[in-house]
Protein backbone atom coordinates (compact mmCIF):
# COMPACT_ATOMS: atom_id res chain seq x y z
CA MET A 1 -60.89 -10.14 0.97
CA ASP A 2 -59.76 -8.30 -2.21
CA THR A 3 -56.22 -8.14 -3.56
CA LEU A 4 -55.40 -4.75 -2.01
CA GLU A 5 -56.60 -5.92 1.37
CA LEU A 6 -54.47 -9.08 1.03
CA LEU A 7 -51.49 -6.90 0.06
CA ARG A 8 -52.00 -4.80 3.20
CA ALA A 9 -52.41 -7.92 5.32
CA ASN A 10 -49.25 -9.42 3.79
CA LEU A 11 -47.16 -6.31 4.43
CA LEU A 12 -48.39 -6.20 8.03
CA SER A 13 -47.97 -9.93 8.70
CA PRO A 14 -45.57 -10.97 11.49
CA ALA A 15 -43.28 -12.71 8.98
CA VAL A 16 -42.83 -9.65 6.72
CA LEU A 17 -42.53 -7.28 9.67
CA ALA A 18 -39.87 -9.53 11.20
CA PHE A 19 -37.94 -9.37 7.91
CA ALA A 20 -38.25 -5.56 7.95
CA LEU A 21 -37.09 -5.47 11.58
CA GLY A 22 -34.00 -7.45 10.59
CA ILE A 23 -33.21 -4.89 7.89
CA VAL A 24 -33.66 -2.00 10.34
CA ALA A 25 -31.50 -3.73 12.92
CA THR A 26 -28.63 -3.96 10.46
CA LEU A 27 -29.02 -0.45 9.08
CA VAL A 28 -28.93 1.12 12.58
CA LYS A 29 -26.00 -1.18 13.48
CA SER A 30 -27.85 -2.84 16.33
CA ASP A 31 -26.12 -5.52 18.37
CA LEU A 32 -29.04 -7.85 17.62
CA LYS A 33 -27.72 -11.19 16.40
CA ILE A 34 -29.17 -14.67 16.07
CA PRO A 35 -26.48 -17.25 16.82
CA ASP A 36 -25.29 -19.21 13.82
CA ALA A 37 -26.18 -22.49 15.49
CA LEU A 38 -29.76 -21.33 16.07
CA TYR A 39 -30.07 -20.09 12.48
CA THR A 40 -28.94 -23.50 11.23
CA THR A 41 -31.40 -25.22 13.57
CA LEU A 42 -34.27 -23.05 12.37
CA SER A 43 -33.52 -23.77 8.72
CA ILE A 44 -33.34 -27.53 9.41
CA TYR A 45 -36.64 -27.37 11.26
CA LEU A 46 -38.44 -25.49 8.47
CA LEU A 47 -37.19 -27.74 5.67
CA LEU A 48 -37.91 -30.98 7.54
CA SER A 49 -41.35 -29.72 8.55
CA ILE A 50 -42.21 -28.91 4.93
CA GLY A 51 -41.04 -32.34 3.80
CA LEU A 52 -42.98 -34.20 6.49
CA LYS A 53 -46.22 -32.36 5.79
CA GLY A 54 -45.83 -32.70 2.04
CA GLY A 55 -45.03 -36.40 2.23
CA ALA A 56 -48.00 -37.07 4.50
CA ALA A 57 -50.27 -35.23 2.06
CA LEU A 58 -48.74 -37.05 -0.90
CA ALA A 59 -49.51 -40.40 0.74
CA THR A 60 -53.21 -39.72 0.40
CA THR A 61 -53.08 -38.03 -3.03
CA PRO A 62 -53.92 -40.10 -6.16
CA PHE A 63 -51.19 -40.18 -8.81
CA ALA A 64 -53.69 -38.81 -11.34
CA GLU A 65 -53.73 -35.52 -9.42
CA VAL A 66 -49.94 -35.18 -9.19
CA TRP A 67 -48.48 -36.01 -12.58
CA LYS A 68 -49.66 -32.93 -14.46
CA PRO A 69 -48.38 -30.41 -11.84
CA ALA A 70 -45.13 -32.40 -11.63
CA LEU A 71 -44.73 -32.17 -15.40
CA ALA A 72 -45.46 -28.43 -15.32
CA THR A 73 -42.83 -27.99 -12.60
CA LEU A 74 -40.26 -29.95 -14.59
CA ALA A 75 -40.97 -27.72 -17.59
CA LEU A 76 -40.38 -24.66 -15.39
CA SER A 77 -37.06 -26.08 -14.17
CA ILE A 78 -35.89 -26.23 -17.80
CA ILE A 79 -37.37 -22.97 -19.12
CA THR A 80 -36.48 -20.58 -16.29
CA PRO A 81 -32.67 -21.02 -16.25
CA LEU A 82 -32.55 -20.80 -20.05
CA LEU A 83 -34.69 -17.65 -19.98
CA SER A 84 -32.56 -16.01 -17.30
CA TYR A 85 -29.30 -16.97 -19.00
CA THR A 86 -30.41 -15.64 -22.39
CA THR A 87 -31.64 -12.37 -20.86
CA LEU A 88 -28.43 -11.81 -18.92
CA ARG A 89 -26.22 -12.58 -21.90
CA ARG A 90 -28.09 -10.65 -24.61
CA LEU A 91 -29.57 -7.73 -22.71
CA GLY A 92 -27.30 -7.47 -19.68
CA ARG A 93 -24.07 -8.29 -21.56
CA PHE A 94 -22.93 -10.52 -18.70
CA ASP A 95 -20.11 -12.96 -19.35
CA VAL A 96 -20.81 -16.70 -19.54
CA VAL A 97 -19.73 -17.51 -15.98
CA ASN A 98 -21.75 -14.85 -14.19
CA ALA A 99 -24.78 -15.27 -16.46
CA ALA A 100 -24.83 -19.04 -15.76
CA ALA A 101 -24.28 -18.49 -12.02
CA ILE A 102 -27.20 -16.06 -11.77
CA ALA A 103 -29.37 -18.28 -14.00
CA ALA A 104 -28.77 -21.22 -11.66
CA HIS A 105 -30.16 -19.15 -8.78
CA TYR A 106 -33.23 -17.93 -10.69
CA GLY A 107 -33.98 -21.36 -12.12
CA SER A 108 -33.90 -22.97 -8.69
CA VAL A 109 -36.28 -22.18 -5.83
CA SER A 110 -36.23 -20.40 -2.49
CA ALA A 111 -37.73 -22.66 0.18
CA VAL A 112 -38.51 -19.65 2.39
CA THR A 113 -40.44 -17.94 -0.42
CA PHE A 114 -42.38 -21.17 -0.83
CA ILE A 115 -43.17 -21.16 2.89
CA ALA A 116 -44.19 -17.50 2.79
CA ALA A 117 -46.50 -18.18 -0.19
CA THR A 118 -48.24 -21.10 1.53
CA THR A 119 -48.59 -19.05 4.72
CA PHE A 120 -50.09 -16.22 2.66
CA MET A 121 -52.64 -18.66 1.22
CA GLN A 122 -53.57 -19.80 4.71
CA ALA A 123 -54.21 -16.17 5.65
CA ALA A 124 -56.33 -15.78 2.51
CA LYS A 125 -58.21 -18.97 3.46
CA GLN A 126 -57.36 -20.55 0.10
CA PRO A 127 -56.66 -24.31 0.07
CA VAL A 128 -53.50 -25.53 -1.65
CA GLU A 129 -52.49 -28.96 -2.89
CA GLY A 130 -50.71 -31.01 -0.24
CA PHE A 131 -48.09 -32.33 -2.66
CA LEU A 132 -46.55 -28.87 -3.24
CA PRO A 133 -43.38 -29.69 -1.21
CA THR A 134 -42.71 -32.46 -3.71
CA LEU A 135 -42.74 -29.85 -6.46
CA VAL A 136 -40.14 -27.82 -4.55
CA ALA A 137 -37.77 -30.78 -4.74
CA ILE A 138 -38.50 -31.20 -8.47
CA LEU A 139 -37.79 -27.51 -9.16
CA GLU A 140 -34.72 -27.26 -6.94
CA VAL A 141 -32.17 -29.41 -8.74
CA PRO A 142 -32.62 -29.59 -12.55
CA ALA A 143 -32.40 -25.84 -13.06
CA ILE A 144 -29.04 -25.64 -11.29
CA VAL A 145 -27.68 -28.56 -13.30
CA ILE A 146 -28.85 -27.01 -16.58
CA ALA A 147 -27.24 -23.65 -15.80
CA LEU A 148 -23.96 -25.31 -14.84
CA LEU A 149 -24.05 -27.44 -17.99
CA ILE A 150 -24.40 -24.28 -20.05
CA ALA A 151 -21.28 -22.85 -18.41
CA ARG A 152 -19.33 -26.09 -18.83
CA ARG A 153 -20.25 -26.33 -22.48
CA SER A 154 -18.95 -22.82 -23.07
CA LEU A 155 -15.90 -22.95 -20.83
CA GLY A 156 -15.05 -26.55 -20.10
CA GLY A 157 -13.37 -27.57 -16.83
CA GLY A 158 -14.90 -27.49 -13.34
CA SER A 159 -16.35 -30.46 -11.57
CA LEU A 160 -19.99 -30.83 -12.54
CA GLY A 161 -20.22 -34.20 -10.77
CA GLU A 162 -19.05 -32.70 -7.52
CA ALA A 163 -21.50 -29.84 -7.91
CA VAL A 164 -24.39 -32.25 -8.50
CA ARG A 165 -23.33 -34.29 -5.47
CA GLU A 166 -23.24 -31.08 -3.45
CA ILE A 167 -26.80 -30.27 -4.53
CA PHE A 168 -28.21 -33.68 -3.56
CA ALA A 169 -26.19 -33.91 -0.36
CA GLY A 170 -26.95 -30.31 0.63
CA LYS A 171 -29.34 -29.89 3.51
CA SER A 172 -32.11 -28.21 1.53
CA VAL A 173 -32.67 -31.08 -0.92
CA LEU A 174 -31.74 -33.78 1.61
CA LEU A 175 -34.23 -32.52 4.21
CA LEU A 176 -37.01 -31.84 1.71
CA VAL A 177 -36.69 -35.20 -0.03
CA GLY A 178 -35.91 -37.11 3.16
CA GLY A 179 -38.76 -35.46 5.05
CA SER A 180 -41.14 -36.17 2.16
CA VAL A 181 -40.15 -39.85 2.19
CA MET A 182 -40.65 -39.99 5.96
CA GLY A 183 -44.02 -38.27 5.71
CA PHE A 184 -45.08 -40.51 2.82
CA LEU A 185 -44.14 -43.72 4.64
CA THR A 186 -45.75 -42.75 7.95
CA GLY A 187 -48.75 -40.96 6.43
CA PRO A 188 -51.12 -38.55 8.20
CA GLU A 189 -51.19 -40.74 11.32
CA GLY A 190 -47.43 -40.48 11.66
CA LEU A 191 -47.56 -36.71 11.21
CA LYS A 192 -50.10 -36.45 14.03
CA GLN A 193 -47.55 -37.99 16.40
CA VAL A 194 -45.10 -35.11 15.83
CA ALA A 195 -47.59 -32.33 15.10
CA ALA A 196 -46.87 -30.57 18.39
CA VAL A 197 -43.31 -29.93 17.17
CA PHE A 198 -43.49 -29.87 13.36
CA VAL A 199 -46.92 -28.33 12.66
CA GLU A 200 -48.21 -25.94 15.33
CA PRO A 201 -44.99 -23.92 16.00
CA PHE A 202 -44.22 -23.56 12.29
CA ARG A 203 -45.32 -19.93 11.83
CA GLY A 204 -43.52 -18.73 14.95
CA VAL A 205 -40.28 -20.37 13.84
CA LEU A 206 -40.69 -18.78 10.41
CA VAL A 207 -40.85 -15.32 12.04
CA LEU A 208 -37.53 -15.92 13.80
CA PHE A 209 -35.95 -17.20 10.59
CA LEU A 210 -37.09 -14.17 8.59
CA LEU A 211 -35.71 -11.83 11.26
CA GLU A 212 -32.27 -13.29 10.57
CA LEU A 213 -32.81 -13.21 6.79
CA GLY A 214 -33.69 -9.52 7.04
CA MET A 215 -30.32 -8.84 8.63
CA ILE A 216 -28.53 -10.88 5.95
CA ALA A 217 -30.44 -9.16 3.15
CA ALA A 218 -29.60 -5.71 4.54
CA LYS A 219 -25.91 -6.55 4.32
CA ARG A 220 -26.35 -7.46 0.63
CA LEU A 221 -28.15 -4.17 -0.03
CA ARG A 222 -24.83 -2.41 0.43
CA ASP A 223 -23.65 -4.21 -2.71
CA LEU A 224 -26.38 -2.70 -4.91
CA ARG A 225 -24.04 -0.04 -6.27
CA SER A 226 -21.62 -2.67 -7.50
CA VAL A 227 -24.18 -4.92 -9.24
CA GLY A 228 -25.50 -2.16 -11.49
CA GLY A 229 -28.91 -0.92 -12.57
CA PHE A 230 -29.56 -3.75 -15.02
CA LEU A 231 -29.27 -6.44 -12.36
CA VAL A 232 -31.57 -4.48 -10.04
CA GLY A 233 -34.20 -4.34 -12.80
CA PHE A 234 -33.58 -8.01 -13.61
CA GLY A 235 -34.14 -8.94 -9.94
CA ILE A 236 -37.63 -7.42 -10.10
CA ALA A 237 -38.72 -8.05 -13.72
CA MET A 238 -37.61 -11.69 -13.96
CA PRO A 239 -39.67 -12.83 -10.94
CA LEU A 240 -42.75 -11.21 -12.49
CA ILE A 241 -42.16 -13.01 -15.80
CA GLN A 242 -41.30 -16.38 -14.31
CA GLY A 243 -44.01 -16.08 -11.65
CA SER A 244 -46.66 -15.38 -14.29
CA LEU A 245 -45.39 -18.35 -16.30
CA GLY A 246 -45.54 -20.57 -13.23
CA VAL A 247 -49.10 -19.52 -12.39
CA TRP A 248 -50.17 -20.10 -15.99
CA LEU A 249 -48.60 -23.57 -16.23
CA GLY A 250 -50.02 -24.48 -12.83
CA SER A 251 -53.48 -23.44 -13.97
CA LEU A 252 -53.10 -25.46 -17.19
CA ALA A 253 -52.10 -28.46 -15.07
CA GLY A 254 -55.39 -28.21 -13.21
CA MET A 255 -54.09 -26.77 -9.95
CA SER A 256 -56.31 -24.71 -7.68
CA VAL A 257 -56.11 -20.91 -7.33
CA GLY A 258 -53.87 -21.28 -4.28
CA GLY A 259 -51.76 -24.10 -5.70
CA ALA A 260 -51.10 -22.31 -9.00
CA MET A 261 -50.19 -19.14 -7.09
CA VAL A 262 -47.69 -21.02 -4.89
CA LEU A 263 -46.14 -22.68 -7.97
CA GLY A 264 -45.84 -19.20 -9.51
CA ALA A 265 -44.11 -17.90 -6.37
CA MET A 266 -41.73 -20.86 -6.51
CA ALA A 267 -40.88 -20.15 -10.16
CA ALA A 268 -40.43 -16.45 -9.32
CA SER A 269 -38.07 -17.09 -6.43
CA ALA A 270 -34.29 -17.33 -6.49
CA SER A 271 -32.35 -19.87 -4.48
CA TYR A 272 -29.88 -18.74 -1.84
CA ILE A 273 -29.14 -22.08 -0.17
CA ALA A 274 -28.61 -24.87 -2.74
CA ALA A 275 -27.59 -22.75 -5.72
CA PRO A 276 -24.81 -20.77 -3.99
CA ALA A 277 -23.30 -24.01 -2.69
CA ALA A 278 -23.31 -25.57 -6.15
CA VAL A 279 -22.04 -22.45 -7.92
CA ARG A 280 -19.26 -22.01 -5.40
CA ILE A 281 -17.90 -25.43 -6.41
CA ALA A 282 -18.61 -25.53 -10.14
CA LEU A 283 -18.04 -21.85 -10.98
CA PRO A 284 -15.66 -20.48 -8.34
CA GLN A 285 -14.76 -17.58 -10.63
CA ALA A 286 -18.34 -16.23 -10.54
CA ASN A 287 -18.85 -13.01 -8.58
CA PRO A 288 -20.97 -13.63 -5.40
CA SER A 289 -21.92 -9.95 -5.31
CA TYR A 290 -23.96 -10.54 -8.45
CA TYR A 291 -25.87 -13.71 -7.65
CA LEU A 292 -26.25 -13.23 -3.88
CA THR A 293 -27.25 -9.58 -4.03
CA ALA A 294 -29.75 -10.21 -6.81
CA SER A 295 -31.36 -13.27 -5.22
CA LEU A 296 -31.30 -12.27 -1.56
CA GLY A 297 -31.08 -8.48 -1.65
CA ILE A 298 -33.55 -7.76 -4.47
CA THR A 299 -35.76 -10.67 -5.51
CA PHE A 300 -36.46 -12.16 -2.09
CA PRO A 301 -37.78 -8.96 -0.44
CA PHE A 302 -39.70 -8.10 -3.62
CA ASN A 303 -41.46 -11.47 -3.63
CA LEU A 304 -42.07 -11.37 0.10
CA THR A 305 -43.77 -7.96 0.04
CA LEU A 306 -45.28 -7.38 -3.42
CA GLY A 307 -44.66 -10.43 -5.61
CA ILE A 308 -46.77 -12.96 -3.70
CA PRO A 309 -49.96 -10.82 -3.72
CA ILE A 310 -49.37 -10.12 -7.44
CA TYR A 311 -49.08 -13.84 -8.29
CA TYR A 312 -52.24 -14.45 -6.30
CA ALA A 313 -54.08 -11.77 -8.28
CA ILE A 314 -52.86 -13.37 -11.53
CA SER A 315 -53.99 -16.80 -10.38
CA ARG A 316 -57.43 -15.51 -9.43
CA TRP A 317 -57.72 -13.81 -12.83
CA LEU A 318 -56.70 -16.95 -14.71
CA HIS A 319 -59.24 -18.96 -12.73
CA GLY A 320 -61.98 -16.52 -13.61
CA GLY A 321 -62.04 -14.63 -10.31
CA SER A 322 -61.87 -10.87 -9.82
């Protein structure tokens, strides 16, 4: 299957079409609505499922195979927020607060983009490393902390400690790390015991979740006029830069075609769960229209539709494929 065929298959996948349906539902002012409680349940399910599967895979993975990708991921968590912050300050002329707030989102990772990338690899019949969920946890936190430190150094004030506590206690990191520990301790045999709930239904639950995200993203699209042309371009160009960097570092770390592509998609993504919670506490003066519209209204749909196939093409090229 060539790249164009994978692009077509990705655009016509149930997950992407569900996201598009959510956008349409909002634009036509449909009465379609997923209850808040169900949305919360779906997000908990997806994050815990990722953690369990990753931990079980990590239990059977030698340390020699993990340390290089982990180091590459840590490097990404330092480089990407600094790159975003510098771009926003020097080229976009954003003030310190909003540049740091947006950089925290683009340095961190979107768990749903990670899920979409791994699902895409399954459709392409490309194996990926089982320890990838561990890399999500590594990429999630440091980038947010670095971006907030930049703001504190420039402005002073704010509670960085409370923001860090919020990150670690937030459900995204708690479920990913906690699920990974559970999966690691119980191993593949333990995962088999709950596979009927946490493995087989995974793709169907993801479709429901993306339907809701489509509706949320459509609401942010209305803010595009206020965020300005630069931020729209930033929301598309920065994922391409960071995604390419992620694929390259993953390849240097010895990851497979699929694994390097997923790491690239993670680096290209922008958080809209952990980062907003941390920014809301540490930088309450930051404008949500900037960081939420850019991450959820621009970058997420771009990665979901076009970005992921592009990172895959880059990974194949770096690994010597066509």
